[in-house]
């Protein structure tokens, strides 16, 4: 049985954020680039529940880990990277 695959819009929805392409691009443009030494879940713009979810998914190598990694890369590259 294959693991479920999640998309970037579904991650934004899971985090309680607007999940349309324009909103995702705007979020990335507003919050990037992240400093190299900053862990994604430690960024100031997440609430506690969002940060806990992101941290847990990566630490547990859970279903969402791949798309969380994708978001991490996008927030480090900045605008125009989608």
C-alpha atoms as a PDB file:
ATOM      1  CA  UNK A   1       0.000   0.000   0.000  1.00  0.00           C
ATOM      2  CA  UNK A   2       1.378   3.412  -1.004  1.00  0.00           C
ATOM      3  CA  UNK A   3       1.603   6.322   1.392  1.00  0.00           C
ATOM      4  CA  UNK A   4      -0.743   9.195   0.642  1.00  0.00           C
ATOM      5  CA  UNK A   5       0.804  12.029  -1.309  1.00  0.00           C
ATOM      6  CA  UNK A   6      -0.005  15.551  -0.249  1.00  0.00           C
ATOM      7  CA  UNK A   7       0.200  18.706  -2.320  1.00  0.00           C
ATOM      8  CA  UNK A   8       1.363  22.167  -1.364  1.00  0.00           C
ATOM      9  CA  UNK A   9      -2.223  23.502  -1.453  1.00  0.00           C
ATOM     10  CA  UNK A  10      -3.364  20.660   0.825  1.00  0.00           C
ATOM     11  CA  UNK A  11      -0.557  21.519   3.281  1.00  0.00           C
ATOM     12  CA  UNK A  12      -1.667  25.158   3.348  1.00  0.00           C
ATOM     13  CA  UNK A  13      -5.231  24.000   3.974  1.00  0.00           C
ATOM     14  CA  UNK A  14      -4.015  21.679   6.762  1.00  0.00           C
ATOM     15  CA  UNK A  15      -2.213  24.656   8.327  1.00  0.00           C
ATOM     16  CA  UNK A  16      -5.391  26.739   8.158  1.00  0.00           C
ATOM     17  CA  UNK A  17      -4.010  29.069   5.483  1.00  0.00           C
ATOM     18  CA  UNK A  18      -5.456  30.165   2.156  1.00  0.00           C
ATOM     19  CA  UNK A  19      -4.610  27.414  -0.318  1.00  0.00           C
ATOM     20  CA  UNK A  20      -5.087  29.005  -3.732  1.00  0.00           C
ATOM     21  CA  UNK A  21      -1.993  29.557  -5.930  1.00  0.00           C
ATOM     22  CA  UNK A  22      -2.002  33.360  -5.568  1.00  0.00           C
ATOM     23  CA  UNK A  23      -2.232  33.173  -1.759  1.00  0.00           C
ATOM     24  CA  UNK A  24       0.528  30.549  -1.586  1.00  0.00           C
ATOM     25  CA  UNK A  25       2.795  32.691  -3.780  1.00  0.00           C
ATOM     26  CA  UNK A  26       2.020  35.745  -1.659  1.00  0.00           C
ATOM     27  CA  UNK A  27       2.758  33.838   1.563  1.00  0.00           C
ATOM     28  CA  UNK A  28       6.115  32.695   0.207  1.00  0.00           C
ATOM     29  CA  UNK A  29       6.968  36.186  -1.076  1.00  0.00           C
ATOM     30  CA  UNK A  30       6.049  37.737   2.273  1.00  0.00           C
ATOM     31  CA  UNK A  31       7.918  35.266   4.486  1.00  0.00           C
ATOM     32  CA  UNK A  32      11.042  34.484   2.505  1.00  0.00           C
ATOM     33  CA  UNK A  33      13.861  34.056   2.328  1.00  0.00           C
ATOM     34  CA  UNK A  34      14.358  32.278   5.652  1.00  0.00           C
ATOM     35  CA  UNK A  35      17.796  32.419   7.232  1.00  0.00           C
ATOM     36  CA  UNK A  36      19.767  29.202   6.583  1.00  0.00           C
ATOM     37  CA  UNK A  37      20.199  28.436  10.289  1.00  0.00           C
ATOM     38  CA  UNK A  38      16.474  28.827  11.087  1.00  0.00           C
ATOM     39  CA  UNK A  39      14.403  25.651  11.282  1.00  0.00           C
ATOM     40  CA  UNK A  40      11.155  25.979   9.355  1.00  0.00           C
ATOM     41  CA  UNK A  41       8.998  25.296  12.415  1.00  0.00           C
ATOM     42  CA  UNK A  42      10.835  28.003  14.387  1.00  0.00           C
ATOM     43  CA  UNK A  43       9.877  30.819  12.010  1.00  0.00           C
ATOM     44  CA  UNK A  44       8.027  33.650  13.753  1.00  0.00           C
ATOM     45  CA  UNK A  45       4.960  33.533  11.504  1.00  0.00           C
ATOM     46  CA  UNK A  46       3.629  30.133  12.613  1.00  0.00           C
ATOM     47  CA  UNK A  47       1.267  29.775  15.532  1.00  0.00           C
ATOM     48  CA  UNK A  48       2.042  27.033  18.062  1.00  0.00           C
ATOM     49  CA  UNK A  49      -0.227  24.430  16.441  1.00  0.00           C
ATOM     50  CA  UNK A  50       1.245  25.068  12.986  1.00  0.00           C
ATOM     51  CA  UNK A  51       4.817  24.939  14.287  1.00  0.00           C
ATOM     52  CA  UNK A  52       4.140  21.729  16.220  1.00  0.00           C
ATOM     53  CA  UNK A  53       2.579  20.117  13.154  1.00  0.00           C
ATOM     54  CA  UNK A  54       5.509  21.055  10.885  1.00  0.00           C
ATOM     55  CA  UNK A  55       8.088  19.910  13.445  1.00  0.00           C
ATOM     56  CA  UNK A  56       6.320  16.620  14.177  1.00  0.00           C
ATOM     57  CA  UNK A  57       5.848  15.738  10.515  1.00  0.00           C
ATOM     58  CA  UNK A  58       9.556  16.178   9.799  1.00  0.00           C
ATOM     59  CA  UNK A  59      10.780  14.469  12.985  1.00  0.00           C
ATOM     60  CA  UNK A  60       8.455  11.509  12.456  1.00  0.00           C
ATOM     61  CA  UNK A  61       9.110  11.372   8.695  1.00  0.00           C
ATOM     62  CA  UNK A  62       5.327  11.267   8.443  1.00  0.00           C
ATOM     63  CA  UNK A  63       2.908  11.545   5.505  1.00  0.00           C
ATOM     64  CA  UNK A  64       3.308  15.284   5.212  1.00  0.00           C
ATOM     65  CA  UNK A  65       7.136  15.340   5.483  1.00  0.00           C
ATOM     66  CA  UNK A  66       7.775  15.526   1.736  1.00  0.00           C
ATOM     67  CA  UNK A  67       5.523  18.522   1.140  1.00  0.00           C
ATOM     68  CA  UNK A  68       6.782  20.208   4.350  1.00  0.00           C
ATOM     69  CA  UNK A  69      10.285  19.847   2.882  1.00  0.00           C
ATOM     70  CA  UNK A  70       9.000  21.389  -0.346  1.00  0.00           C
ATOM     71  CA  UNK A  71       7.630  24.381   1.580  1.00  0.00           C
ATOM     72  CA  UNK A  72      10.929  24.685   3.424  1.00  0.00           C
ATOM     73  CA  UNK A  73      12.832  24.883   0.124  1.00  0.00           C
ATOM     74  CA  UNK A  74      10.394  27.420  -1.321  1.00  0.00           C
ATOM     75  CA  UNK A  75      10.666  29.662   1.737  1.00  0.00           C
ATOM     76  CA  UNK A  76      14.455  29.602   1.478  1.00  0.00           C
ATOM     77  CA  UNK A  77      14.518  30.446  -2.237  1.00  0.00           C
ATOM     78  CA  UNK A  78      11.931  33.195  -2.125  1.00  0.00           C
ATOM     79  CA  UNK A  79       9.491  34.579  -4.654  1.00  0.00           C
ATOM     80  CA  UNK A  80       9.198  33.064  -8.099  1.00  0.00           C
ATOM     81  CA  UNK A  81      10.300  29.609  -6.982  1.00  0.00           C
ATOM     82  CA  UNK A  82       6.923  27.866  -7.266  1.00  0.00           C
END
